[in-house]
Protein backbone atom coordinates (compact mmCIF):
# COMPACT_ATOMS: atom_id res chain seq x y z
CA MET A 1 0.00 0.00 0.00
CA ILE A 2 1.25 3.45 -0.90
CA ILE A 3 0.84 6.11 1.74
CA ILE A 4 1.07 9.63 0.41
CA SER A 5 1.09 12.87 2.31
CA GLY A 6 -2.11 14.80 1.73
CA LYS A 7 -0.44 17.79 3.31
CA GLU A 8 2.40 17.72 0.77
CA LEU A 9 -0.14 17.39 -2.03
CA ALA A 10 -2.08 20.43 -0.80
CA ILE A 11 1.13 22.46 -0.46
CA ALA A 12 2.36 21.53 -3.94
CA ARG A 13 -1.04 22.33 -5.45
CA ALA A 14 -1.17 25.72 -3.71
CA LYS A 15 2.38 26.57 -4.84
CA LYS A 16 1.30 25.95 -8.44
CA GLY A 17 -1.71 28.22 -7.87
CA LEU A 18 -4.17 25.47 -8.77
CA THR A 19 -7.58 24.77 -7.33
CA ILE A 20 -8.57 21.18 -6.61
CA THR A 21 -10.71 21.20 -9.75
CA GLU A 22 -7.90 22.58 -11.92
CA LEU A 23 -5.45 19.97 -10.66
CA ALA A 24 -8.00 17.21 -11.18
CA ILE A 25 -8.53 18.25 -14.80
CA LYS A 26 -4.78 18.54 -15.42
CA ALA A 27 -4.12 15.13 -13.85
CA GLY A 28 -7.14 13.45 -15.43
CA VAL A 29 -8.70 12.36 -12.14
CA HIS A 30 -11.93 13.28 -10.37
CA ARG A 31 -11.83 16.36 -8.14
CA TYR A 32 -13.20 14.32 -5.24
CA THR A 33 -10.14 12.09 -5.55
CA ILE A 34 -7.82 15.05 -5.00
CA SER A 35 -9.93 16.36 -2.14
CA ARG A 36 -10.09 13.00 -0.37
CA ILE A 37 -6.33 12.43 -0.75
CA GLU A 38 -5.59 15.87 0.73
CA LYS A 39 -7.90 15.13 3.67
CA GLY A 40 -6.28 11.73 4.27
CA MET A 41 -9.52 9.92 3.45
CA LEU A 42 -8.23 8.05 0.39
CA THR A 43 -5.13 6.02 -0.36
CA PRO A 44 -4.66 6.33 -4.12
CA ARG A 45 -3.28 3.76 -6.52
CA LEU A 46 0.25 4.27 -7.79
CA ASP A 47 -0.96 5.24 -11.27
CA THR A 48 -3.12 7.98 -9.74
CA VAL A 49 -0.18 9.31 -7.73
CA GLY A 50 1.86 9.29 -10.94
CA LYS A 51 -0.75 11.37 -12.79
CA ILE A 52 -0.95 13.89 -9.96
CA ALA A 53 2.84 14.09 -9.63
CA LYS A 54 3.22 14.68 -13.37
CA ALA A 55 0.55 17.41 -13.30
CA LEU A 56 2.46 19.15 -10.50
CA ASP A 57 5.93 18.61 -12.05
CA LYS A 58 7.06 16.62 -9.01
CA PRO A 59 8.56 13.14 -8.66
CA VAL A 60 6.23 10.53 -7.16
CA GLU A 61 8.60 10.23 -4.19
CA TYR A 62 7.81 13.83 -3.20
CA PHE A 63 4.36 12.74 -2.04
CA LEU A 64 5.33 9.61 -0.12
CA GLU A 65 4.92 9.73 3.66
CA LYS A 66 8.26 10.13 5.37
């Protein structure tokens, strides 16, 4: 199971100046997916993390819990 940091996701999204909806469109995932990940309510699949990371120009490892 992959555990990603919702906090890091929210920070990276804010630094890019994107709303949840804008990031979701850019990453090709549902906006509720982004919201639930940021709130710690959803553990995404690796492919979803990859899409989000690519949309934010970050490596997947950036979002992994430390």
